[in-house]
Protein backbone atom coordinates (compact mmCIF):
# COMPACT_ATOMS: atom_id res chain seq x y z
CA UNK A 1 0.00 0.00 0.00
CA UNK A 2 2.79 2.44 0.90
CA UNK A 3 4.58 1.55 -2.33
CA UNK A 4 1.45 2.37 -4.36
CA UNK A 5 1.06 5.69 -2.53
CA UNK A 6 4.71 6.57 -3.19
CA UNK A 7 4.26 5.71 -6.87
CA UNK A 8 1.14 7.91 -7.13
CA UNK A 9 2.97 10.74 -5.37
CA UNK A 10 5.95 10.33 -7.72
CA UNK A 11 3.66 10.41 -10.79
CA UNK A 12 1.80 13.48 -9.50
CA UNK A 13 5.01 15.36 -8.66
CA UNK A 14 6.47 14.53 -12.05
CA UNK A 15 3.32 15.82 -13.77
CA UNK A 16 3.33 18.88 -11.51
CA UNK A 17 6.96 19.62 -12.39
CA UNK A 18 6.29 19.29 -16.13
CA UNK A 19 3.23 21.54 -15.87
CA UNK A 20 5.61 24.51 -15.47
CA UNK A 21 6.28 24.15 -19.20
CA UNK A 22 2.92 25.82 -19.85
CA UNK A 23 4.86 29.03 -19.17
CA UNK A 24 6.26 28.67 -22.69
CA UNK A 25 3.00 30.28 -23.92
CA UNK A 26 3.64 33.72 -22.36
CA UNK A 27 7.34 33.43 -23.29
CA UNK A 28 6.60 32.90 -26.98
CA UNK A 29 3.80 35.48 -27.02
CA UNK A 30 5.92 38.14 -25.32
CA UNK A 31 8.81 37.54 -27.74
CA UNK A 32 6.45 37.72 -30.72
CA UNK A 33 4.96 40.90 -29.25
CA UNK A 34 8.47 42.31 -28.82
CA UNK A 35 9.17 41.65 -32.51
CA UNK A 36 5.87 43.34 -33.42
CA UNK A 37 6.75 46.35 -31.24
CA UNK A 38 10.17 46.62 -32.90
CA UNK A 39 8.58 46.45 -36.34
CA UNK A 40 5.92 49.05 -35.43
CA UNK A 41 8.61 51.32 -33.95
CA UNK A 42 10.74 51.00 -37.07
CA UNK A 43 7.78 51.80 -39.33
CA UNK A 44 6.92 54.83 -37.19
CA UNK A 45 10.50 56.12 -37.27
CA UNK A 46 10.83 55.55 -41.01
CA UNK A 47 7.50 57.30 -41.66
CA UNK A 48 8.54 60.29 -39.57
CA UNK A 49 11.97 60.48 -41.20
CA UNK A 50 10.37 60.31 -44.64
CA UNK A 51 7.99 63.17 -43.76
CA UNK A 52 10.81 65.25 -42.26
CA UNK A 53 13.07 64.71 -45.26
CA UNK A 54 10.25 65.63 -47.65
CA UNK A 55 9.86 68.88 -45.79
CA UNK A 56 6.13 68.34 -45.34
CA UNK A 57 6.22 70.21 -42.05
CA UNK A 58 6.26 73.92 -42.72
CA UNK A 59 5.21 74.97 -39.25
CA UNK A 60 6.98 74.32 -36.00
CA UNK A 61 3.87 72.44 -34.84
CA UNK A 62 4.08 70.04 -37.82
CA UNK A 63 7.79 69.49 -37.14
CA UNK A 64 6.99 68.83 -33.47
CA UNK A 65 4.41 66.24 -34.55
CA UNK A 66 7.02 64.47 -36.69
CA UNK A 67 9.51 64.57 -33.82
CA UNK A 68 6.75 63.12 -31.65
CA UNK A 69 6.47 60.22 -34.10
CA UNK A 70 10.23 59.67 -33.86
CA UNK A 71 9.97 59.63 -30.07
CA UNK A 72 6.95 57.32 -30.41
CA UNK A 73 9.16 54.89 -32.31
CA UNK A 74 11.68 54.96 -29.48
CA UNK A 75 8.80 54.33 -27.07
CA UNK A 76 7.76 51.26 -29.07
CA UNK A 77 11.36 50.00 -28.95
CA UNK A 78 11.33 50.38 -25.16
CA UNK A 79 8.06 48.44 -24.97
CA UNK A 80 9.72 45.73 -27.08
CA UNK A 81 12.63 45.64 -24.64
CA UNK A 82 10.21 45.28 -21.71
CA UNK A 83 8.46 42.40 -23.48
CA UNK A 84 11.81 40.70 -24.14
CA UNK A 85 12.85 41.08 -20.51
CA UNK A 86 9.55 39.57 -19.44
CA UNK A 87 9.84 36.64 -21.86
CA UNK A 88 13.45 35.87 -20.99
CA UNK A 89 12.74 36.26 -17.28
CA UNK A 90 9.75 33.91 -17.30
CA UNK A 91 11.76 31.37 -19.28
CA UNK A 92 14.74 31.51 -16.92
CA UNK A 93 12.63 31.50 -13.76
CA UNK A 94 10.14 28.78 -14.66
CA UNK A 95 11.53 26.65 -17.46
CA UNK A 96 15.32 26.57 -17.75
CA UNK A 97 18.46 28.68 -17.78
CA UNK A 98 19.41 30.02 -21.18
CA UNK A 99 22.74 28.26 -21.56
CA UNK A 100 23.89 30.38 -24.52
CA UNK A 101 23.69 33.51 -22.36
CA UNK A 102 25.93 32.06 -19.68
CA UNK A 103 28.70 30.52 -21.80
CA UNK A 104 32.28 31.40 -20.90
CA UNK A 105 33.64 34.46 -22.63
CA UNK A 106 30.22 35.98 -23.29
CA UNK A 107 28.76 38.69 -21.14
CA UNK A 108 25.15 37.89 -22.02
CA UNK A 109 24.78 36.68 -18.46
CA UNK A 110 24.92 40.22 -17.15
CA UNK A 111 22.78 43.25 -17.73
CA UNK A 112 19.07 43.51 -18.38
CA UNK A 113 18.54 39.91 -19.43
CA UNK A 114 20.31 38.35 -16.44
CA UNK A 115 17.35 37.48 -14.24
CA UNK A 116 17.96 35.34 -11.15
CA UNK A 117 14.77 35.97 -9.17
CA UNK A 118 11.29 37.38 -9.40
CA UNK A 119 12.57 40.55 -7.73
CA UNK A 120 15.22 40.91 -10.48
CA UNK A 121 12.50 40.58 -13.11
CA UNK A 122 10.27 43.10 -11.36
CA UNK A 123 13.10 45.61 -10.87
CA UNK A 124 14.25 45.44 -14.49
CA UNK A 125 10.73 45.67 -15.87
CA UNK A 126 9.92 48.66 -13.67
CA UNK A 127 13.04 50.49 -14.86
CA UNK A 128 12.24 49.97 -18.54
CA UNK A 129 8.55 50.78 -18.10
CA UNK A 130 9.33 54.03 -16.24
CA UNK A 131 11.75 55.04 -19.00
CA UNK A 132 9.04 54.24 -21.57
CA UNK A 133 6.58 56.40 -19.62
CA UNK A 134 9.12 59.23 -19.48
CA UNK A 135 9.58 58.98 -23.25
CA UNK A 136 5.79 58.99 -23.74
CA UNK A 137 5.49 62.07 -21.56
CA UNK A 138 8.27 63.75 -23.53
CA UNK A 139 6.36 62.97 -26.74
CA UNK A 140 3.24 64.63 -25.34
CA UNK A 141 5.26 67.62 -24.14
CA UNK A 142 6.53 68.29 -27.66
CA UNK A 143 3.11 69.56 -28.70
CA UNK A 144 1.88 70.81 -25.32
CA UNK A 145 0.47 74.30 -25.85
CA UNK A 146 1.82 76.94 -23.49
CA UNK A 147 -0.51 79.91 -23.78
CA UNK A 148 -0.99 80.83 -20.14
CA UNK A 149 0.74 80.84 -16.79
CA UNK A 150 -1.29 77.80 -15.73
CA UNK A 151 -0.08 75.83 -18.76
CA UNK A 152 3.50 76.84 -18.00
CA UNK A 153 3.12 75.69 -14.39
CA UNK A 154 1.62 72.36 -15.50
CA UNK A 155 4.45 71.90 -18.00
CA UNK A 156 7.08 72.75 -15.36
CA UNK A 157 5.46 70.42 -12.84
CA UNK A 158 5.49 67.64 -15.43
CA UNK A 159 9.19 68.15 -16.05
CA UNK A 160 9.84 68.12 -12.30
CA UNK A 161 7.84 64.88 -11.84
CA UNK A 162 9.67 63.24 -14.75
CA UNK A 163 13.03 64.20 -13.25
CA UNK A 164 11.92 62.88 -9.85
CA UNK A 165 10.75 59.57 -11.34
CA UNK A 166 14.04 59.17 -13.24
CA UNK A 167 15.95 59.87 -10.02
CA UNK A 168 13.85 57.33 -8.10
CA UNK A 169 14.35 54.66 -10.76
CA UNK A 170 18.10 55.24 -10.54
CA UNK A 171 17.79 54.40 -6.85
CA UNK A 172 18.02 57.95 -5.60
CA UNK A 173 21.76 57.81 -6.07
CA UNK A 174 23.82 60.97 -6.02
CA UNK A 175 25.93 61.65 -9.09
CA UNK A 176 29.64 60.95 -8.58
CA UNK A 177 31.59 63.95 -7.38
CA UNK A 178 34.52 65.00 -9.58
CA UNK A 179 37.94 64.72 -7.96
């Protein structure tokens, strides 16, 4: 009887361990989404560059809109990076280590894609997402109309909040002092 119970437990634990492989679905989808974000960002940048080179923006507002599209492309690239970090992190945490990233002589095992724990994944995603939000805010600020003192105060407050969020993401570290 005990032998049968041990066998059932062994079978269940083996099935349970293999069930983690279902995490391959979000890994593949996030990497495909990252590729789509890179493609969309490239198309946006190319479209904006084409319009700028044609000279189709006679007014400073039209030029600001085209610059906003360029910044939007950068924002899409950052979203792609966040999706890649998520996909790689889920793969490394739940499925298996990516051996190619950790081979001797390669430094792929360090940096944004080196994820050892859920806290590492969270920290790296937050950093990229905050940078993406800062870029999105910058894009909106390119065409923000400043016609009154209130608008100027809102704009200045936005810049201050963006600087504060960038400082917080950096860990509130002080810049190095020159010697």
